[in-house]
């Protein structure tokens, strides 16, 4: 039996590394008294799986965690909320056999920064982009890019496929003309093709959604 929990990680906790985040979540699950299934061997670990980590400093509003458990717990979400860290918070969960790592194809992101720090005319989706491990065009890494002005801020929204994940600073360096006073990057959702993972989990057969 499996449960998929959706956390959001923000505030100063967005600076936790992937390992530190996993350790914090495991300790949180233990505090609830959840009866988890453990691996075999000398160093037994709970069977917990995660999606791709966000770069350090990126707010993660779609931190999905899949946990194998021994028994169903009707009020698990309530218990998780009672014992959660303030900035690493469980927002919903689903009892389902859907494995996020098997169905997720990419992620959606949002960048918020001062409008006067950006020159949109610098954007070129066909510009070559090369890192130590990846190579392609800007538009291949930062897909479905949209711009929206809200007051003095500019909001950039885009998607990335799992095989084309790249740090958002590669996009920002192309656009920025000076250092912004406000700079926030968020992963907003995990995507399964054109559908949000949360929607797929809602629709999954045999699910027991007790999210908020």
N, C-alpha and C. Protein backbone atom coordinates (compact mmCIF):
# COMPACT_ATOMS: atom_id res chain seq x y z
N UNK A 1 0.85 -1.18 0.00
CA UNK A 1 0.00 0.00 0.00
C UNK A 1 0.89 1.24 0.00
N UNK A 2 0.47 2.25 -0.80
CA UNK A 2 1.28 3.46 -0.93
C UNK A 2 0.44 4.71 -0.69
N UNK A 3 1.10 5.73 -0.20
CA UNK A 3 0.49 7.05 -0.06
C UNK A 3 1.43 8.05 -0.73
N UNK A 4 0.86 8.98 -1.48
CA UNK A 4 1.63 10.06 -2.10
C UNK A 4 1.28 11.36 -1.38
N UNK A 5 2.29 12.01 -0.85
CA UNK A 5 2.10 13.24 -0.08
C UNK A 5 2.69 14.40 -0.86
N UNK A 6 1.94 15.48 -0.93
CA UNK A 6 2.44 16.69 -1.59
C UNK A 6 2.83 17.72 -0.53
N UNK A 7 4.11 18.04 -0.49
CA UNK A 7 4.63 19.06 0.40
C UNK A 7 4.88 20.36 -0.38
N UNK A 8 4.99 21.45 0.34
CA UNK A 8 5.57 22.66 -0.23
C UNK A 8 6.75 23.06 0.65
N UNK A 9 7.85 23.40 0.00
CA UNK A 9 9.08 23.79 0.70
C UNK A 9 9.41 25.22 0.30
N UNK A 10 9.45 26.12 1.28
CA UNK A 10 9.62 27.53 0.98
C UNK A 10 10.33 28.21 2.14
N UNK A 11 10.38 29.55 2.11
CA UNK A 11 11.11 30.26 3.15
C UNK A 11 12.58 29.86 3.14
N UNK A 12 13.22 29.92 4.28
CA UNK A 12 14.64 29.57 4.35
C UNK A 12 14.89 28.09 4.09
N UNK A 13 13.87 27.25 4.26
CA UNK A 13 14.06 25.81 4.02
C UNK A 13 14.26 25.49 2.54
N UNK A 14 14.01 26.48 1.66
CA UNK A 14 14.27 26.23 0.23
C UNK A 14 15.77 26.07 -0.02
N UNK A 15 16.59 26.45 0.96
CA UNK A 15 18.04 26.31 0.81
C UNK A 15 18.55 24.94 1.28
N UNK A 16 17.65 24.08 1.75
CA UNK A 16 18.06 22.72 2.09
C UNK A 16 18.46 21.97 0.83
N UNK A 17 19.50 21.17 0.93
CA UNK A 17 19.88 20.31 -0.20
C UNK A 17 18.88 19.18 -0.36
N UNK A 18 19.01 18.43 -1.45
CA UNK A 18 18.10 17.30 -1.68
C UNK A 18 18.21 16.27 -0.55
N UNK A 19 19.44 15.99 -0.10
CA UNK A 19 19.64 15.01 0.98
C UNK A 19 19.06 15.54 2.29
N UNK A 20 19.30 16.81 2.58
CA UNK A 20 18.76 17.40 3.80
C UNK A 20 17.23 17.42 3.79
N UNK A 21 16.66 17.68 2.63
CA UNK A 21 15.20 17.66 2.50
C UNK A 21 14.65 16.27 2.74
N UNK A 22 15.28 15.27 2.14
CA UNK A 22 14.83 13.89 2.32
C UNK A 22 14.93 13.47 3.79
N UNK A 23 16.01 13.86 4.45
CA UNK A 23 16.18 13.52 5.86
C UNK A 23 15.11 14.20 6.72
N UNK A 24 14.81 15.46 6.41
CA UNK A 24 13.79 16.19 7.17
C UNK A 24 12.42 15.56 6.99
N UNK A 25 12.11 15.13 5.78
CA UNK A 25 10.81 14.50 5.52
C UNK A 25 10.72 13.15 6.20
N UNK A 26 11.81 12.38 6.15
CA UNK A 26 11.80 11.07 6.83
C UNK A 26 11.58 11.24 8.33
N UNK A 27 12.25 12.21 8.93
CA UNK A 27 12.06 12.45 10.36
C UNK A 27 10.62 12.89 10.65
N UNK A 28 10.07 13.69 9.75
CA UNK A 28 8.68 14.13 9.92
C UNK A 28 7.73 12.94 9.89
N UNK A 29 7.92 12.04 8.94
CA UNK A 29 7.05 10.87 8.83
C UNK A 29 7.18 9.98 10.08
N UNK A 30 8.37 9.87 10.60
CA UNK A 30 8.57 9.07 11.81
C UNK A 30 7.86 9.70 13.01
N UNK A 31 7.84 11.03 13.07
CA UNK A 31 7.18 11.71 14.20
C UNK A 31 5.68 11.42 14.24
N UNK A 32 5.08 11.15 13.12
CA UNK A 32 3.64 10.87 13.09
C UNK A 32 3.32 9.46 13.57
N UNK A 33 4.34 8.61 13.66
CA UNK A 33 4.10 7.22 14.02
C UNK A 33 3.61 6.39 12.84
N UNK A 34 3.76 6.91 11.62
CA UNK A 34 3.33 6.19 10.43
C UNK A 34 4.07 4.86 10.31
N UNK A 35 3.33 3.78 10.08
CA UNK A 35 3.93 2.45 9.96
C UNK A 35 4.41 2.25 8.54
N UNK A 36 5.68 2.59 8.32
CA UNK A 36 6.26 2.49 6.98
C UNK A 36 6.87 1.11 6.75
N UNK A 37 6.95 0.73 5.48
CA UNK A 37 7.62 -0.50 5.08
C UNK A 37 9.10 -0.18 4.88
N UNK A 38 9.97 -1.05 5.39
CA UNK A 38 11.41 -0.81 5.32
C UNK A 38 12.07 -1.78 4.34
N UNK A 39 13.21 -1.34 3.81
CA UNK A 39 14.00 -2.19 2.92
C UNK A 39 14.63 -3.32 3.73
N UNK A 40 15.12 -4.33 3.02
CA UNK A 40 15.80 -5.44 3.66
C UNK A 40 17.30 -5.13 3.78
N UNK A 41 18.01 -5.91 4.57
CA UNK A 41 19.45 -5.74 4.67
C UNK A 41 19.87 -5.17 6.01
N UNK A 42 21.17 -4.87 6.11
CA UNK A 42 21.75 -4.44 7.38
C UNK A 42 21.30 -3.02 7.74
N UNK A 43 21.34 -2.12 6.76
CA UNK A 43 20.91 -0.73 6.99
C UNK A 43 19.51 -0.54 6.39
N UNK A 44 18.53 -0.87 7.17
CA UNK A 44 17.15 -0.82 6.69
C UNK A 44 16.67 0.63 6.65
N UNK A 45 16.05 0.99 5.51
CA UNK A 45 15.55 2.34 5.32
C UNK A 45 14.08 2.27 4.90
N UNK A 46 13.28 3.26 5.29
CA UNK A 46 11.89 3.27 4.83
C UNK A 46 11.82 3.42 3.31
N UNK A 47 10.83 2.79 2.74
CA UNK A 47 10.68 2.84 1.28
C UNK A 47 9.97 4.15 0.89
N UNK A 48 10.80 5.15 0.62
CA UNK A 48 10.31 6.48 0.26
C UNK A 48 10.98 6.88 -1.06
N UNK A 49 10.20 7.41 -1.98
CA UNK A 49 10.79 7.87 -3.24
C UNK A 49 10.37 9.31 -3.52
N UNK A 50 11.24 10.01 -4.25
CA UNK A 50 11.05 11.42 -4.54
C UNK A 50 11.18 11.67 -6.04
N UNK A 51 10.63 12.79 -6.48
CA UNK A 51 10.85 13.23 -7.85
C UNK A 51 12.18 13.98 -7.92
N UNK A 52 12.48 14.55 -9.08
CA UNK A 52 13.74 15.28 -9.27
C UNK A 52 13.82 16.45 -8.29
N UNK A 53 14.95 16.62 -7.63
CA UNK A 53 15.08 17.74 -6.68
C UNK A 53 15.16 19.07 -7.42
N UNK A 54 14.77 20.14 -6.74
CA UNK A 54 14.93 21.48 -7.28
C UNK A 54 16.33 21.99 -6.93
N UNK A 55 16.85 22.91 -7.71
CA UNK A 55 18.13 23.53 -7.32
C UNK A 55 17.99 24.21 -5.96
N UNK A 56 19.07 24.25 -5.21
CA UNK A 56 19.05 24.90 -3.91
C UNK A 56 18.61 26.36 -4.04
N UNK A 57 17.66 26.76 -3.22
CA UNK A 57 17.15 28.13 -3.26
C UNK A 57 15.84 28.28 -4.02
N UNK A 58 15.44 27.24 -4.74
CA UNK A 58 14.18 27.29 -5.49
C UNK A 58 13.04 26.82 -4.60
N UNK A 59 11.97 27.60 -4.53
CA UNK A 59 10.78 27.20 -3.79
C UNK A 59 10.14 26.02 -4.50
N UNK A 60 9.79 24.99 -3.75
CA UNK A 60 9.16 23.81 -4.35
C UNK A 60 7.73 23.68 -3.82
N UNK A 61 6.77 24.02 -4.67
CA UNK A 61 5.35 23.90 -4.31
C UNK A 61 4.78 22.56 -4.77
N UNK A 62 5.62 21.71 -5.32
CA UNK A 62 5.17 20.42 -5.84
C UNK A 62 6.16 19.33 -5.44
N UNK A 63 6.42 19.24 -4.14
CA UNK A 63 7.35 18.26 -3.61
C UNK A 63 6.57 16.99 -3.28
N UNK A 64 6.49 16.10 -4.25
CA UNK A 64 5.71 14.87 -4.08
C UNK A 64 6.59 13.76 -3.50
N UNK A 65 6.05 13.07 -2.51
CA UNK A 65 6.77 12.00 -1.82
C UNK A 65 5.89 10.75 -1.82
N UNK A 66 6.43 9.65 -2.27
CA UNK A 66 5.68 8.38 -2.28
C UNK A 66 6.23 7.47 -1.18
N UNK A 67 5.35 7.00 -0.32
CA UNK A 67 5.76 6.20 0.83
C UNK A 67 5.00 4.87 0.83
N UNK A 68 5.74 3.80 1.00
CA UNK A 68 5.10 2.49 1.15
C UNK A 68 4.80 2.27 2.63
N UNK A 69 3.56 1.94 2.93
CA UNK A 69 3.12 1.82 4.32
C UNK A 69 2.47 0.47 4.55
N UNK A 70 2.37 0.11 5.83
CA UNK A 70 1.78 -1.18 6.19
C UNK A 70 0.26 -1.13 6.22
N UNK A 71 -0.29 -0.01 6.72
CA UNK A 71 -1.73 0.07 6.90
C UNK A 71 -2.26 1.45 6.51
N UNK A 72 -3.54 1.52 6.23
CA UNK A 72 -4.22 2.77 5.91
C UNK A 72 -4.42 3.58 7.20
N UNK A 73 -4.21 4.89 7.11
CA UNK A 73 -4.41 5.78 8.26
C UNK A 73 -5.33 6.92 7.82
N UNK A 74 -6.55 6.90 8.30
CA UNK A 74 -7.56 7.83 7.81
C UNK A 74 -7.21 9.29 8.08
N UNK A 75 -6.58 9.56 9.22
CA UNK A 75 -6.30 10.95 9.61
C UNK A 75 -4.82 11.29 9.47
N UNK A 76 -4.17 10.66 8.50
CA UNK A 76 -2.73 10.87 8.34
C UNK A 76 -2.41 12.33 8.03
N UNK A 77 -3.16 12.97 7.15
CA UNK A 77 -2.86 14.35 6.80
C UNK A 77 -2.94 15.27 8.02
N UNK A 78 -3.93 15.06 8.86
CA UNK A 78 -4.05 15.86 10.08
C UNK A 78 -2.83 15.68 10.97
N UNK A 79 -2.37 14.43 11.10
CA UNK A 79 -1.20 14.16 11.94
C UNK A 79 0.06 14.77 11.33
N UNK A 80 0.17 14.72 10.02
CA UNK A 80 1.32 15.31 9.35
C UNK A 80 1.37 16.82 9.58
N UNK A 81 0.22 17.46 9.49
CA UNK A 81 0.18 18.92 9.66
C UNK A 81 0.54 19.33 11.10
N UNK A 82 0.13 18.50 12.06
CA UNK A 82 0.41 18.82 13.46
C UNK A 82 1.91 18.80 13.76
N UNK A 83 2.65 17.95 13.07
CA UNK A 83 4.06 17.74 13.40
C UNK A 83 5.01 18.31 12.36
N UNK A 84 4.48 19.04 11.37
CA UNK A 84 5.31 19.53 10.27
C UNK A 84 6.14 20.73 10.66
N UNK A 85 7.27 20.91 9.96
CA UNK A 85 8.03 22.15 10.07
C UNK A 85 7.24 23.26 9.37
N UNK A 86 7.31 24.49 9.84
CA UNK A 86 6.49 25.57 9.28
C UNK A 86 6.68 25.79 7.79
N UNK A 87 7.89 25.60 7.27
CA UNK A 87 8.17 25.89 5.87
C UNK A 87 8.41 24.63 5.03
N UNK A 88 8.11 23.47 5.61
CA UNK A 88 8.13 22.21 4.87
C UNK A 88 6.83 21.52 5.22
N UNK A 89 5.78 21.89 4.48
CA UNK A 89 4.43 21.65 4.95
C UNK A 89 3.64 20.75 4.01
N UNK A 90 2.96 19.73 4.55
CA UNK A 90 2.13 18.84 3.71
C UNK A 90 0.79 19.50 3.39
N UNK A 91 0.46 19.59 2.12
CA UNK A 91 -0.78 20.26 1.74
C UNK A 91 -1.88 19.29 1.32
N UNK A 92 -1.51 18.11 0.84
CA UNK A 92 -2.52 17.12 0.46
C UNK A 92 -1.88 15.75 0.32
N UNK A 93 -2.71 14.73 0.28
CA UNK A 93 -2.19 13.38 0.05
C UNK A 93 -3.25 12.50 -0.59
N UNK A 94 -2.76 11.43 -1.20
CA UNK A 94 -3.62 10.48 -1.89
C UNK A 94 -3.17 9.06 -1.58
N UNK A 95 -4.12 8.19 -1.30
CA UNK A 95 -3.84 6.76 -1.16
C UNK A 95 -4.01 6.16 -2.56
N UNK A 96 -2.92 5.81 -3.17
CA UNK A 96 -2.95 5.40 -4.57
C UNK A 96 -1.73 4.56 -4.91
N UNK A 97 -1.84 3.74 -5.91
CA UNK A 97 -0.70 2.97 -6.39
C UNK A 97 -0.02 3.65 -7.58
N UNK A 98 -0.46 4.82 -7.94
CA UNK A 98 0.23 5.59 -8.99
C UNK A 98 1.62 5.97 -8.50
N UNK A 99 2.63 5.68 -9.31
CA UNK A 99 4.02 6.02 -8.97
C UNK A 99 4.40 7.29 -9.72
N UNK A 100 4.55 8.41 -9.03
CA UNK A 100 4.89 9.66 -9.72
C UNK A 100 6.12 9.57 -10.61
N UNK A 101 7.11 8.80 -10.21
CA UNK A 101 8.33 8.70 -11.03
C UNK A 101 8.08 8.00 -12.36
N UNK A 102 7.01 7.25 -12.45
CA UNK A 102 6.69 6.56 -13.70
C UNK A 102 5.82 7.40 -14.63
N UNK A 103 5.11 8.36 -14.08
CA UNK A 103 4.14 9.11 -14.91
C UNK A 103 4.53 10.56 -15.15
N UNK A 104 5.38 11.13 -14.31
CA UNK A 104 5.74 12.54 -14.48
C UNK A 104 6.72 12.70 -15.64
N UNK A 105 6.42 13.67 -16.50
CA UNK A 105 7.25 13.93 -17.68
C UNK A 105 8.00 15.26 -17.59
N UNK A 106 7.57 16.14 -16.68
CA UNK A 106 8.22 17.44 -16.57
C UNK A 106 7.64 18.26 -15.43
N UNK A 107 7.98 19.55 -15.44
CA UNK A 107 7.58 20.44 -14.35
C UNK A 107 7.25 21.83 -14.90
N UNK A 108 6.42 22.55 -14.15
CA UNK A 108 6.17 23.96 -14.47
C UNK A 108 6.85 24.84 -13.44
N UNK A 109 7.29 26.01 -13.88
CA UNK A 109 8.05 26.92 -13.04
C UNK A 109 7.53 28.34 -13.17
N UNK A 110 7.85 29.14 -12.14
CA UNK A 110 7.51 30.56 -12.14
C UNK A 110 8.69 31.35 -11.58
N UNK A 111 9.04 32.44 -12.25
CA UNK A 111 10.08 33.33 -11.77
C UNK A 111 9.45 34.71 -11.57
N UNK A 112 9.70 35.32 -10.42
CA UNK A 112 9.19 36.65 -10.10
C UNK A 112 10.39 37.56 -9.84
N UNK A 113 10.46 38.68 -10.56
CA UNK A 113 11.55 39.62 -10.37
C UNK A 113 11.12 41.02 -10.81
N UNK A 114 11.95 42.01 -10.50
CA UNK A 114 11.64 43.40 -10.85
C UNK A 114 11.61 43.56 -12.36
N UNK A 115 10.57 44.22 -12.85
CA UNK A 115 10.43 44.39 -14.30
C UNK A 115 11.56 45.21 -14.90
N UNK A 116 12.02 46.24 -14.16
CA UNK A 116 13.03 47.12 -14.74
C UNK A 116 14.42 46.49 -14.80
N UNK A 117 14.54 45.25 -14.32
CA UNK A 117 15.81 44.53 -14.39
C UNK A 117 15.91 43.61 -15.60
N UNK A 118 14.85 43.61 -16.42
CA UNK A 118 14.75 42.64 -17.50
C UNK A 118 14.54 43.36 -18.84
N UNK A 119 15.22 42.87 -19.86
CA UNK A 119 14.99 43.34 -21.23
C UNK A 119 14.50 42.14 -22.04
N UNK A 120 13.18 42.10 -22.31
CA UNK A 120 12.59 40.95 -22.98
C UNK A 120 13.06 40.80 -24.42
N UNK A 121 13.58 41.88 -24.99
CA UNK A 121 14.07 41.79 -26.37
C UNK A 121 15.33 40.92 -26.47
N UNK A 122 15.94 40.62 -25.32
CA UNK A 122 17.13 39.76 -25.31
C UNK A 122 16.77 38.28 -25.47
N UNK A 123 15.50 37.97 -25.34
CA UNK A 123 15.11 36.55 -25.40
C UNK A 123 15.17 36.04 -26.83
N UNK A 124 15.83 34.91 -27.00
CA UNK A 124 15.93 34.25 -28.31
C UNK A 124 15.83 32.75 -28.08
N UNK A 125 14.69 32.18 -28.44
CA UNK A 125 14.49 30.75 -28.18
C UNK A 125 15.41 29.87 -29.02
N UNK A 126 15.97 30.41 -30.08
CA UNK A 126 16.85 29.63 -30.95
C UNK A 126 18.32 29.78 -30.62
N UNK A 127 18.63 30.55 -29.59
CA UNK A 127 20.03 30.74 -29.20
C UNK A 127 20.60 29.43 -28.65
N UNK A 128 21.79 29.03 -29.12
CA UNK A 128 22.41 27.80 -28.60
C UNK A 128 22.75 27.95 -27.12
N UNK A 129 22.55 26.87 -26.40
CA UNK A 129 22.84 26.86 -24.96
C UNK A 129 23.59 25.57 -24.65
N UNK A 130 24.74 25.71 -24.02
CA UNK A 130 25.58 24.55 -23.75
C UNK A 130 26.09 24.60 -22.32
N UNK A 131 25.97 23.48 -21.62
CA UNK A 131 26.54 23.32 -20.29
C UNK A 131 27.52 22.16 -20.34
N UNK A 132 28.06 21.81 -19.19
CA UNK A 132 29.02 20.69 -19.14
C UNK A 132 28.38 19.38 -19.57
N UNK A 133 27.06 19.25 -19.32
CA UNK A 133 26.40 17.96 -19.57
C UNK A 133 25.29 18.03 -20.61
N UNK A 134 24.82 19.23 -20.94
CA UNK A 134 23.67 19.34 -21.83
C UNK A 134 23.93 20.38 -22.91
N UNK A 135 23.25 20.18 -24.05
CA UNK A 135 23.42 21.10 -25.16
C UNK A 135 22.13 21.15 -25.96
N UNK A 136 21.76 22.34 -26.41
CA UNK A 136 20.55 22.51 -27.20
C UNK A 136 20.24 23.98 -27.38
N UNK A 137 19.01 24.26 -27.77
CA UNK A 137 18.56 25.64 -27.92
C UNK A 137 17.81 26.07 -26.67
N UNK A 138 17.80 27.37 -26.41
CA UNK A 138 17.14 27.91 -25.22
C UNK A 138 15.70 27.43 -25.14
N UNK A 139 14.99 27.46 -26.26
CA UNK A 139 13.58 27.07 -26.30
C UNK A 139 13.34 25.60 -26.02
N UNK A 140 14.37 24.78 -26.16
CA UNK A 140 14.23 23.36 -25.86
C UNK A 140 14.29 23.10 -24.36
N UNK A 141 15.01 23.95 -23.65
CA UNK A 141 15.14 23.82 -22.20
C UNK A 141 14.02 24.56 -21.46
N UNK A 142 13.66 25.73 -21.97
CA UNK A 142 12.63 26.56 -21.33
C UNK A 142 11.44 26.66 -22.29
N UNK A 143 10.50 25.74 -22.14
CA UNK A 143 9.39 25.61 -23.07
C UNK A 143 8.16 26.36 -22.59
N UNK A 144 7.31 26.70 -23.56
CA UNK A 144 6.02 27.36 -23.26
C UNK A 144 6.21 28.61 -22.41
N UNK A 145 7.23 29.39 -22.73
CA UNK A 145 7.56 30.57 -21.93
C UNK A 145 6.51 31.67 -22.12
N UNK A 146 6.06 32.20 -20.98
CA UNK A 146 5.08 33.29 -20.99
C UNK A 146 5.54 34.39 -20.04
N UNK A 147 5.23 35.63 -20.41
CA UNK A 147 5.57 36.79 -19.58
C UNK A 147 4.29 37.49 -19.13
N UNK A 148 4.29 37.95 -17.89
CA UNK A 148 3.12 38.67 -17.37
C UNK A 148 3.60 39.75 -16.41
N UNK A 149 3.10 40.97 -16.60
CA UNK A 149 3.45 42.07 -15.71
C UNK A 149 2.41 42.21 -14.62
N UNK A 150 2.87 42.31 -13.39
CA UNK A 150 1.99 42.52 -12.24
C UNK A 150 2.61 43.64 -11.40
N UNK A 151 2.04 44.83 -11.49
CA UNK A 151 2.62 45.97 -10.78
C UNK A 151 4.02 46.24 -11.28
N UNK A 152 4.99 46.31 -10.36
CA UNK A 152 6.37 46.56 -10.76
C UNK A 152 7.16 45.29 -11.01
N UNK A 153 6.45 44.16 -10.99
CA UNK A 153 7.12 42.88 -11.15
C UNK A 153 6.81 42.24 -12.50
N UNK A 154 7.73 41.43 -12.94
CA UNK A 154 7.54 40.61 -14.14
C UNK A 154 7.52 39.15 -13.71
N UNK A 155 6.52 38.42 -14.19
CA UNK A 155 6.39 37.00 -13.87
C UNK A 155 6.66 36.20 -15.14
N UNK A 156 7.62 35.30 -15.06
CA UNK A 156 7.95 34.40 -16.16
C UNK A 156 7.45 33.01 -15.79
N UNK A 157 6.72 32.38 -16.67
CA UNK A 157 6.26 31.01 -16.46
C UNK A 157 6.72 30.15 -17.62
N UNK A 158 7.18 28.94 -17.30
CA UNK A 158 7.67 28.04 -18.34
C UNK A 158 7.59 26.61 -17.84
N UNK A 159 7.83 25.67 -18.74
CA UNK A 159 7.88 24.25 -18.38
C UNK A 159 9.21 23.66 -18.82
N UNK A 160 9.57 22.56 -18.16
CA UNK A 160 10.76 21.81 -18.55
C UNK A 160 10.45 20.33 -18.52
N UNK A 161 10.97 19.59 -19.49
CA UNK A 161 10.85 18.14 -19.46
C UNK A 161 11.95 17.57 -18.57
N UNK A 162 11.75 16.38 -18.07
CA UNK A 162 12.70 15.81 -17.11
C UNK A 162 14.09 15.58 -17.71
N UNK A 163 14.16 15.36 -19.01
CA UNK A 163 15.47 15.15 -19.64
C UNK A 163 16.12 16.47 -20.07
N UNK A 164 15.43 17.60 -19.82
CA UNK A 164 15.97 18.91 -20.20
C UNK A 164 15.94 19.87 -19.01
N UNK A 165 16.09 19.35 -17.81
CA UNK A 165 16.09 20.22 -16.64
C UNK A 165 17.37 21.06 -16.61
N UNK A 166 17.18 22.36 -16.40
CA UNK A 166 18.31 23.27 -16.38
C UNK A 166 18.02 24.38 -15.37
N UNK A 167 19.05 24.85 -14.71
CA UNK A 167 18.90 25.88 -13.69
C UNK A 167 18.26 27.14 -14.29
N UNK A 168 17.30 27.75 -13.60
CA UNK A 168 16.63 28.94 -14.13
C UNK A 168 17.55 30.12 -14.39
N UNK A 169 18.72 30.15 -13.77
CA UNK A 169 19.63 31.27 -13.98
C UNK A 169 20.13 31.34 -15.42
N UNK A 170 20.12 30.21 -16.14
CA UNK A 170 20.52 30.26 -17.54
C UNK A 170 19.55 31.12 -18.35
N UNK A 171 18.29 31.07 -18.01
CA UNK A 171 17.30 31.92 -18.66
C UNK A 171 17.42 33.36 -18.18
N UNK A 172 17.57 33.52 -16.88
CA UNK A 172 17.60 34.88 -16.31
C UNK A 172 18.82 35.66 -16.77
N UNK A 173 19.95 35.00 -16.92
CA UNK A 173 21.15 35.70 -17.36
C UNK A 173 20.98 36.28 -18.76
N UNK A 174 20.17 35.61 -19.58
CA UNK A 174 19.90 36.11 -20.91
C UNK A 174 19.06 37.37 -20.89
N UNK A 175 18.16 37.46 -19.90
CA UNK A 175 17.18 38.53 -19.87
C UNK A 175 17.56 39.71 -18.99
N UNK A 176 18.30 39.46 -17.91
CA UNK A 176 18.53 40.50 -16.92
C UNK A 176 19.59 41.50 -17.39
N UNK A 177 19.32 42.78 -17.11
CA UNK A 177 20.26 43.85 -17.43
C UNK A 177 20.89 44.42 -16.16
N UNK A 178 20.34 44.09 -15.00
CA UNK A 178 20.92 44.46 -13.73
C UNK A 178 20.38 43.54 -12.65
N UNK A 179 21.01 43.54 -11.49
CA UNK A 179 20.59 42.67 -10.40
C UNK A 179 19.24 43.12 -9.84
N UNK A 180 18.29 42.20 -9.70
CA UNK A 180 16.97 42.57 -9.16
C UNK A 180 17.00 42.63 -7.63
N UNK A 181 16.11 43.44 -7.07
CA UNK A 181 15.96 43.48 -5.61
C UNK A 181 15.07 42.34 -5.13
N UNK A 182 14.21 41.87 -6.02
CA UNK A 182 13.34 40.72 -5.73
C UNK A 182 13.60 39.66 -6.79
N UNK A 183 13.88 38.44 -6.34
CA UNK A 183 14.12 37.34 -7.28
C UNK A 183 13.66 36.04 -6.62
N UNK A 184 12.55 35.51 -7.10
CA UNK A 184 11.96 34.29 -6.54
C UNK A 184 11.72 33.29 -7.66
N UNK A 185 12.18 32.08 -7.45
CA UNK A 185 11.93 31.00 -8.42
C UNK A 185 11.12 29.92 -7.72
N UNK A 186 10.05 29.46 -8.38
CA UNK A 186 9.18 28.44 -7.81
C UNK A 186 8.96 27.30 -8.81
N UNK A 187 9.04 26.08 -8.32
CA UNK A 187 8.48 24.96 -9.09
C UNK A 187 7.03 24.85 -8.67
N UNK A 188 6.12 25.02 -9.61
CA UNK A 188 4.71 25.12 -9.26
C UNK A 188 3.94 23.81 -9.36
N UNK A 189 4.39 22.90 -10.24
CA UNK A 189 3.67 21.63 -10.37
C UNK A 189 4.51 20.62 -11.12
N UNK A 190 4.24 19.35 -10.86
CA UNK A 190 4.78 18.26 -11.66
C UNK A 190 3.76 17.93 -12.74
N UNK A 191 4.23 17.64 -13.95
CA UNK A 191 3.34 17.46 -15.09
C UNK A 191 3.41 16.04 -15.64
N UNK A 192 2.26 15.56 -16.05
CA UNK A 192 2.15 14.26 -16.72
C UNK A 192 1.60 14.54 -18.11
N UNK A 193 2.50 14.77 -19.07
CA UNK A 193 2.05 15.25 -20.36
C UNK A 193 1.50 16.67 -20.18
N UNK A 194 0.25 16.88 -20.54
CA UNK A 194 -0.36 18.19 -20.36
C UNK A 194 -1.19 18.31 -19.11
N UNK A 195 -1.10 17.35 -18.22
CA UNK A 195 -1.94 17.32 -17.03
C UNK A 195 -1.09 17.43 -15.77
N UNK A 196 -1.61 18.16 -14.78
CA UNK A 196 -0.92 18.25 -13.49
C UNK A 196 -0.96 16.91 -12.78
N UNK A 197 0.11 16.57 -12.09
CA UNK A 197 0.14 15.30 -11.34
C UNK A 197 -0.98 15.25 -10.33
N UNK A 198 -1.28 16.37 -9.69
CA UNK A 198 -2.36 16.38 -8.69
C UNK A 198 -3.69 15.98 -9.32
N UNK A 199 -3.94 16.40 -10.57
CA UNK A 199 -5.17 16.00 -11.26
C UNK A 199 -5.19 14.50 -11.52
N UNK A 200 -4.05 13.97 -11.95
CA UNK A 200 -3.97 12.53 -12.21
C UNK A 200 -4.19 11.73 -10.94
N UNK A 201 -3.63 12.20 -9.84
CA UNK A 201 -3.82 11.50 -8.57
C UNK A 201 -5.27 11.55 -8.13
N UNK A 202 -5.93 12.68 -8.38
CA UNK A 202 -7.35 12.79 -8.05
C UNK A 202 -8.18 11.76 -8.82
N UNK A 203 -7.77 11.52 -10.05
CA UNK A 203 -8.53 10.63 -10.92
C UNK A 203 -8.15 9.17 -10.76
N UNK A 204 -7.05 8.91 -10.06
CA UNK A 204 -6.52 7.55 -10.00
C UNK A 204 -7.50 6.60 -9.34
N UNK A 205 -7.57 5.42 -9.87
CA UNK A 205 -8.50 4.40 -9.36
C UNK A 205 -8.11 3.98 -7.96
N UNK A 206 -9.10 3.91 -7.09
CA UNK A 206 -8.86 3.43 -5.73
C UNK A 206 -8.26 4.46 -4.82
N UNK A 207 -8.16 5.73 -5.29
CA UNK A 207 -7.55 6.75 -4.44
C UNK A 207 -8.52 7.13 -3.31
N UNK A 208 -7.92 7.60 -2.24
CA UNK A 208 -8.69 8.15 -1.12
C UNK A 208 -8.10 9.53 -0.86
N UNK A 209 -8.66 10.55 -1.48
CA UNK A 209 -8.08 11.88 -1.36
C UNK A 209 -8.56 12.53 -0.06
N UNK A 210 -7.64 12.85 0.79
CA UNK A 210 -7.99 13.55 2.00
C UNK A 210 -7.15 14.82 2.09
N UNK A 211 -6.90 15.43 0.91
CA UNK A 211 -6.14 16.66 0.86
C UNK A 211 -7.01 17.86 1.12
N UNK A 212 -6.37 19.03 1.10
CA UNK A 212 -7.12 20.26 1.29
C UNK A 212 -6.99 21.12 0.05
